[in-house]
Amino acid sequence: MSSFQDYFALDIKDRINHPFQSGFDTVYMDMQLALEKQKNDDTFFKTMASFFLTEFQKDIEANIDKLTVASDIPPDLLTYIYAANLGAIMYWSQQMTEPADWAQMDTLFKAVLPVKIDL
């Protein structure tokens, strides 16, 4: 899972402001073939989702003092909302005749969950 670790090694500002574009550069490009081969393997995607959720939780909790959220959302809930919105936008894009590009997905993500990072 080195590609995943590379993603979490990126500057948090990039991951918060451009979660899809930064993920594309580190995870998707390295794992494109595996993701395509495993596209019907629910266990594979549940394992990936579980890993990301755990890492997001650690990441958000470690940086909560740098994040500004529109309302009083508890840090542990923010983790689930963040991961769920990433998954929902990715799923929505894959269902389209022509999937959205990474920049468009980042724009939608910021509209749905306006989180700002103060660095």
N, C-alpha and C. Protein backbone atom coordinates (compact mmCIF):
# COMPACT_ATOMS: atom_id res chain seq x y z
N MET A 1 0.82 -1.19 0.00
CA MET A 1 0.00 0.00 0.00
C MET A 1 0.87 1.26 0.00
N SER A 2 2.00 1.18 -0.63
CA SER A 2 2.90 2.34 -0.61
C SER A 2 2.29 3.56 -1.29
N SER A 3 1.47 3.37 -2.32
CA SER A 3 0.82 4.50 -2.97
C SER A 3 -0.08 5.24 -2.00
N PHE A 4 -0.77 4.49 -1.13
CA PHE A 4 -1.63 5.10 -0.14
C PHE A 4 -0.81 5.90 0.86
N GLN A 5 0.31 5.33 1.28
CA GLN A 5 1.18 6.03 2.22
C GLN A 5 1.75 7.29 1.58
N ASP A 6 2.05 7.21 0.28
CA ASP A 6 2.53 8.39 -0.44
C ASP A 6 1.48 9.50 -0.40
N TYR A 7 0.20 9.12 -0.53
CA TYR A 7 -0.88 10.10 -0.50
C TYR A 7 -0.88 10.83 0.84
N PHE A 8 -0.78 10.09 1.94
CA PHE A 8 -0.83 10.71 3.26
C PHE A 8 0.48 11.41 3.62
N ALA A 9 1.52 11.18 2.84
CA ALA A 9 2.78 11.91 3.04
C ALA A 9 2.74 13.28 2.36
N LEU A 10 1.77 13.50 1.47
CA LEU A 10 1.64 14.80 0.83
C LEU A 10 1.29 15.87 1.85
N ASP A 11 1.59 17.10 1.53
CA ASP A 11 1.24 18.22 2.39
C ASP A 11 -0.27 18.22 2.61
N ILE A 12 -0.69 18.37 3.86
CA ILE A 12 -2.12 18.33 4.17
C ILE A 12 -2.90 19.40 3.42
N LYS A 13 -2.26 20.51 3.13
CA LYS A 13 -2.94 21.58 2.40
C LYS A 13 -3.37 21.09 1.01
N ASP A 14 -2.52 20.33 0.34
CA ASP A 14 -2.87 19.76 -0.97
C ASP A 14 -4.00 18.74 -0.84
N ARG A 15 -3.92 17.91 0.19
CA ARG A 15 -4.94 16.88 0.37
C ARG A 15 -6.30 17.46 0.72
N ILE A 16 -6.32 18.55 1.48
CA ILE A 16 -7.60 19.19 1.84
C ILE A 16 -8.14 19.99 0.67
N ASN A 17 -7.29 20.77 0.01
CA ASN A 17 -7.74 21.65 -1.06
C ASN A 17 -7.98 20.94 -2.39
N HIS A 18 -7.28 19.84 -2.62
CA HIS A 18 -7.38 19.11 -3.90
C HIS A 18 -7.33 17.61 -3.66
N PRO A 19 -8.31 17.05 -2.95
CA PRO A 19 -8.22 15.63 -2.61
C PRO A 19 -8.18 14.70 -3.81
N PHE A 20 -8.91 15.02 -4.86
CA PHE A 20 -8.93 14.15 -6.03
C PHE A 20 -7.68 14.31 -6.89
N GLN A 21 -7.29 15.56 -7.14
CA GLN A 21 -6.10 15.77 -7.97
C GLN A 21 -4.85 15.23 -7.29
N SER A 22 -4.72 15.43 -5.99
CA SER A 22 -3.53 14.91 -5.30
C SER A 22 -3.58 13.38 -5.24
N GLY A 23 -4.78 12.82 -5.08
CA GLY A 23 -4.93 11.36 -5.08
C GLY A 23 -4.64 10.75 -6.43
N PHE A 24 -5.03 11.46 -7.48
CA PHE A 24 -4.78 10.98 -8.84
C PHE A 24 -3.28 10.85 -9.07
N ASP A 25 -2.55 11.87 -8.64
CA ASP A 25 -1.10 11.87 -8.87
C ASP A 25 -0.39 10.76 -8.11
N THR A 26 -0.88 10.40 -6.93
CA THR A 26 -0.15 9.45 -6.10
C THR A 26 -0.72 8.05 -6.08
N VAL A 27 -2.02 7.92 -6.02
CA VAL A 27 -2.63 6.60 -5.86
C VAL A 27 -3.15 6.05 -7.19
N TYR A 28 -3.99 6.80 -7.84
CA TYR A 28 -4.68 6.28 -9.01
C TYR A 28 -3.72 5.91 -10.13
N MET A 29 -2.74 6.75 -10.40
CA MET A 29 -1.80 6.45 -11.49
C MET A 29 -1.03 5.16 -11.21
N ASP A 30 -0.64 4.96 -9.95
CA ASP A 30 0.10 3.74 -9.59
C ASP A 30 -0.79 2.51 -9.56
N MET A 31 -2.06 2.70 -9.24
CA MET A 31 -2.94 1.55 -9.03
C MET A 31 -4.02 1.37 -10.10
N GLN A 32 -3.94 2.12 -11.17
CA GLN A 32 -5.00 2.10 -12.19
C GLN A 32 -5.31 0.68 -12.66
N LEU A 33 -4.30 -0.10 -12.97
CA LEU A 33 -4.51 -1.46 -13.46
C LEU A 33 -5.17 -2.33 -12.39
N ALA A 34 -4.68 -2.25 -11.16
CA ALA A 34 -5.26 -3.04 -10.07
C ALA A 34 -6.70 -2.63 -9.81
N LEU A 35 -6.98 -1.34 -9.81
CA LEU A 35 -8.35 -0.86 -9.58
C LEU A 35 -9.30 -1.35 -10.67
N GLU A 36 -8.83 -1.36 -11.89
CA GLU A 36 -9.66 -1.84 -13.01
C GLU A 36 -9.93 -3.33 -12.87
N LYS A 37 -8.89 -4.09 -12.53
CA LYS A 37 -9.05 -5.55 -12.39
C LYS A 37 -9.96 -5.90 -11.21
N GLN A 38 -9.92 -5.09 -10.16
CA GLN A 38 -10.67 -5.38 -8.94
C GLN A 38 -12.03 -4.68 -8.89
N LYS A 39 -12.44 -4.05 -9.98
CA LYS A 39 -13.63 -3.19 -9.94
C LYS A 39 -14.89 -3.89 -9.44
N ASN A 40 -14.97 -5.21 -9.55
CA ASN A 40 -16.15 -5.93 -9.07
C ASN A 40 -15.90 -6.67 -7.76
N ASP A 41 -14.77 -6.41 -7.13
CA ASP A 41 -14.39 -7.09 -5.89
C ASP A 41 -14.74 -6.20 -4.70
N ASP A 42 -15.90 -6.45 -4.11
CA ASP A 42 -16.35 -5.63 -2.98
C ASP A 42 -15.40 -5.68 -1.79
N THR A 43 -14.81 -6.85 -1.54
CA THR A 43 -13.88 -7.00 -0.41
C THR A 43 -12.67 -6.10 -0.60
N PHE A 44 -12.15 -6.05 -1.80
CA PHE A 44 -11.00 -5.21 -2.11
C PHE A 44 -11.32 -3.74 -1.81
N PHE A 45 -12.47 -3.27 -2.29
CA PHE A 45 -12.83 -1.87 -2.09
C PHE A 45 -13.20 -1.57 -0.64
N LYS A 46 -13.79 -2.52 0.06
CA LYS A 46 -14.07 -2.32 1.49
C LYS A 46 -12.77 -2.23 2.28
N THR A 47 -11.78 -3.05 1.92
CA THR A 47 -10.47 -3.01 2.59
C THR A 47 -9.80 -1.67 2.32
N MET A 48 -9.84 -1.22 1.07
CA MET A 48 -9.27 0.09 0.72
C MET A 48 -9.97 1.21 1.48
N ALA A 49 -11.29 1.15 1.51
CA ALA A 49 -12.08 2.18 2.19
C ALA A 49 -11.77 2.20 3.68
N SER A 50 -11.64 1.03 4.28
CA SER A 50 -11.33 0.93 5.70
C SER A 50 -9.95 1.53 6.00
N PHE A 51 -8.98 1.23 5.15
CA PHE A 51 -7.64 1.79 5.31
C PHE A 51 -7.69 3.31 5.23
N PHE A 52 -8.34 3.83 4.19
CA PHE A 52 -8.42 5.28 4.01
C PHE A 52 -9.15 5.94 5.18
N LEU A 53 -10.23 5.34 5.63
CA LEU A 53 -10.99 5.92 6.74
C LEU A 53 -10.11 6.01 7.99
N THR A 54 -9.37 4.96 8.29
CA THR A 54 -8.48 4.97 9.45
C THR A 54 -7.42 6.05 9.31
N GLU A 55 -6.82 6.15 8.13
CA GLU A 55 -5.78 7.16 7.90
C GLU A 55 -6.36 8.57 7.92
N PHE A 56 -7.55 8.77 7.33
CA PHE A 56 -8.21 10.08 7.39
C PHE A 56 -8.47 10.47 8.84
N GLN A 57 -8.92 9.51 9.62
CA GLN A 57 -9.22 9.79 11.02
C GLN A 57 -7.97 10.28 11.75
N LYS A 58 -6.86 9.57 11.59
CA LYS A 58 -5.60 9.98 12.23
C LYS A 58 -5.18 11.36 11.72
N ASP A 59 -5.29 11.55 10.43
CA ASP A 59 -4.87 12.79 9.78
C ASP A 59 -5.69 13.98 10.26
N ILE A 60 -6.99 13.84 10.28
CA ILE A 60 -7.88 14.93 10.70
C ILE A 60 -7.68 15.23 12.18
N GLU A 61 -7.59 14.19 13.00
CA GLU A 61 -7.40 14.42 14.43
C GLU A 61 -6.06 15.11 14.70
N ALA A 62 -5.02 14.74 13.95
CA ALA A 62 -3.70 15.35 14.15
C ALA A 62 -3.65 16.80 13.68
N ASN A 63 -4.56 17.16 12.77
CA ASN A 63 -4.53 18.50 12.19
C ASN A 63 -5.79 19.32 12.45
N ILE A 64 -6.64 18.86 13.37
CA ILE A 64 -7.92 19.52 13.61
C ILE A 64 -7.75 20.98 13.99
N ASP A 65 -6.65 21.32 14.66
CA ASP A 65 -6.42 22.71 15.06
C ASP A 65 -6.13 23.61 13.86
N LYS A 66 -5.83 23.02 12.71
CA LYS A 66 -5.53 23.80 11.50
C LYS A 66 -6.73 23.86 10.55
N LEU A 67 -7.79 23.14 10.86
CA LEU A 67 -8.95 23.06 9.97
C LEU A 67 -10.07 23.99 10.44
N THR A 68 -10.71 24.62 9.48
CA THR A 68 -11.88 25.43 9.76
C THR A 68 -13.05 24.80 9.01
N VAL A 69 -14.07 24.44 9.76
CA VAL A 69 -15.25 23.80 9.20
C VAL A 69 -16.41 24.77 9.36
N ALA A 70 -17.35 24.74 8.41
CA ALA A 70 -18.46 25.69 8.39
C ALA A 70 -19.31 25.65 9.67
N SER A 71 -19.42 24.52 10.31
CA SER A 71 -20.23 24.43 11.53
C SER A 71 -19.48 23.61 12.58
N ASP A 72 -20.09 23.45 13.74
CA ASP A 72 -19.45 22.70 14.82
C ASP A 72 -19.61 21.19 14.58
N ILE A 73 -18.72 20.67 13.77
CA ILE A 73 -18.73 19.24 13.47
C ILE A 73 -17.63 18.59 14.31
N PRO A 74 -17.98 17.59 15.11
CA PRO A 74 -16.95 16.91 15.91
C PRO A 74 -15.89 16.28 15.00
N PRO A 75 -14.62 16.29 15.41
CA PRO A 75 -13.55 15.73 14.57
C PRO A 75 -13.80 14.29 14.13
N ASP A 76 -14.34 13.46 15.02
CA ASP A 76 -14.57 12.07 14.64
C ASP A 76 -15.69 11.95 13.60
N LEU A 77 -16.65 12.84 13.61
CA LEU A 77 -17.70 12.85 12.59
C LEU A 77 -17.17 13.42 11.28
N LEU A 78 -16.32 14.43 11.37
CA LEU A 78 -15.73 15.02 10.17
C LEU A 78 -15.02 13.97 9.33
N THR A 79 -14.34 13.04 9.99
CA THR A 79 -13.65 11.96 9.29
C THR A 79 -14.61 11.18 8.40
N TYR A 80 -15.75 10.79 8.97
CA TYR A 80 -16.72 10.00 8.20
C TYR A 80 -17.35 10.82 7.08
N ILE A 81 -17.66 12.08 7.36
CA ILE A 81 -18.26 12.94 6.35
C ILE A 81 -17.28 13.15 5.20
N TYR A 82 -16.04 13.40 5.55
CA TYR A 82 -14.99 13.62 4.54
C TYR A 82 -14.85 12.40 3.63
N ALA A 83 -14.69 11.22 4.25
CA ALA A 83 -14.52 9.99 3.47
C ALA A 83 -15.77 9.66 2.66
N ALA A 84 -16.95 9.85 3.25
CA ALA A 84 -18.20 9.55 2.55
C ALA A 84 -18.38 10.46 1.33
N ASN A 85 -18.05 11.74 1.49
CA ASN A 85 -18.18 12.67 0.36
C ASN A 85 -17.19 12.34 -0.76
N LEU A 86 -15.97 11.96 -0.40
CA LEU A 86 -15.00 11.53 -1.42
C LEU A 86 -15.57 10.33 -2.19
N GLY A 87 -16.05 9.34 -1.44
CA GLY A 87 -16.61 8.14 -2.07
C GLY A 87 -17.83 8.44 -2.91
N ALA A 88 -18.72 9.31 -2.42
CA ALA A 88 -19.94 9.64 -3.16
C ALA A 88 -19.63 10.35 -4.48
N ILE A 89 -18.70 11.29 -4.44
CA ILE A 89 -18.35 12.02 -5.66
C ILE A 89 -17.66 11.10 -6.65
N MET A 90 -16.78 10.23 -6.15
CA MET A 90 -16.11 9.27 -7.03
C MET A 90 -17.14 8.33 -7.67
N TYR A 91 -18.06 7.82 -6.87
CA TYR A 91 -19.10 6.92 -7.39
C TYR A 91 -19.97 7.63 -8.41
N TRP A 92 -20.40 8.84 -8.09
CA TRP A 92 -21.22 9.62 -9.01
C TRP A 92 -20.50 9.81 -10.34
N SER A 93 -19.24 10.15 -10.29
CA SER A 93 -18.46 10.39 -11.50
C SER A 93 -18.37 9.12 -12.35
N GLN A 94 -18.17 7.98 -11.70
CA GLN A 94 -18.05 6.72 -12.43
C GLN A 94 -19.36 6.31 -13.08
N GLN A 95 -20.48 6.80 -12.59
CA GLN A 95 -21.79 6.45 -13.15
C GLN A 95 -22.15 7.30 -14.36
N MET A 96 -21.42 8.38 -14.55
CA MET A 96 -21.70 9.28 -15.67
C MET A 96 -21.21 8.67 -16.98
N THR A 97 -21.84 9.06 -18.09
CA THR A 97 -21.40 8.61 -19.41
C THR A 97 -19.95 9.01 -19.64
N GLU A 98 -19.64 10.24 -19.30
CA GLU A 98 -18.25 10.72 -19.35
C GLU A 98 -17.88 11.19 -17.95
N PRO A 99 -17.02 10.42 -17.26
CA PRO A 99 -16.68 10.79 -15.88
C PRO A 99 -16.12 12.20 -15.76
N ALA A 100 -16.37 12.80 -14.62
CA ALA A 100 -15.85 14.15 -14.34
C ALA A 100 -14.33 14.07 -14.23
N ASP A 101 -13.68 15.19 -14.52
CA ASP A 101 -12.23 15.20 -14.34
C ASP A 101 -11.92 15.50 -12.88
N TRP A 102 -10.66 15.28 -12.48
CA TRP A 102 -10.26 15.42 -11.08
C TRP A 102 -10.48 16.84 -10.56
N ALA A 103 -10.21 17.85 -11.38
CA ALA A 103 -10.39 19.23 -10.94
C ALA A 103 -11.87 19.53 -10.67
N GLN A 104 -12.75 19.05 -11.54
CA GLN A 104 -14.19 19.24 -11.34
C GLN A 104 -14.65 18.54 -10.06
N MET A 105 -14.11 17.34 -9.82
CA MET A 105 -14.47 16.61 -8.62
C MET A 105 -14.00 17.35 -7.36
N ASP A 106 -12.81 17.97 -7.43
CA ASP A 106 -12.33 18.77 -6.30
C ASP A 106 -13.25 19.97 -6.05
N THR A 107 -13.70 20.62 -7.11
CA THR A 107 -14.61 21.76 -6.98
C THR A 107 -15.91 21.33 -6.31
N LEU A 108 -16.46 20.20 -6.74
CA LEU A 108 -17.70 19.69 -6.14
C LEU A 108 -17.48 19.33 -4.67
N PHE A 109 -16.35 18.71 -4.39
CA PHE A 109 -16.05 18.32 -3.01
C PHE A 109 -16.00 19.53 -2.09
N LYS A 110 -15.34 20.59 -2.54
CA LYS A 110 -15.25 21.81 -1.72
C LYS A 110 -16.61 22.47 -1.54
N ALA A 111 -17.50 22.34 -2.54
CA ALA A 111 -18.85 22.91 -2.43
C ALA A 111 -19.69 22.13 -1.42
N VAL A 112 -19.51 20.81 -1.40
CA VAL A 112 -20.28 19.96 -0.50
C VAL A 112 -19.76 20.04 0.93
N LEU A 113 -18.44 20.08 1.08
CA LEU A 113 -17.82 20.10 2.41
C LEU A 113 -16.77 21.21 2.44
N PRO A 114 -17.22 22.42 2.76
CA PRO A 114 -16.26 23.53 2.77
C PRO A 114 -15.36 23.50 4.00
N VAL A 115 -14.24 22.80 3.87
CA VAL A 115 -13.23 22.74 4.92
C VAL A 115 -12.06 23.59 4.46
N LYS A 116 -11.59 24.45 5.34
CA LYS A 116 -10.43 25.27 5.02
C LYS A 116 -9.29 24.88 5.95
N ILE A 117 -8.09 25.00 5.44
CA ILE A 117 -6.93 24.70 6.26
C ILE A 117 -6.15 25.98 6.51
N ASP A 118 -5.83 26.23 7.76
CA ASP A 118 -5.13 27.43 8.16
C ASP A 118 -3.66 27.10 8.42
N LEU A 119 -2.82 27.35 7.43
CA LEU A 119 -1.37 27.11 7.58
C LEU A 119 -0.61 28.35 7.20
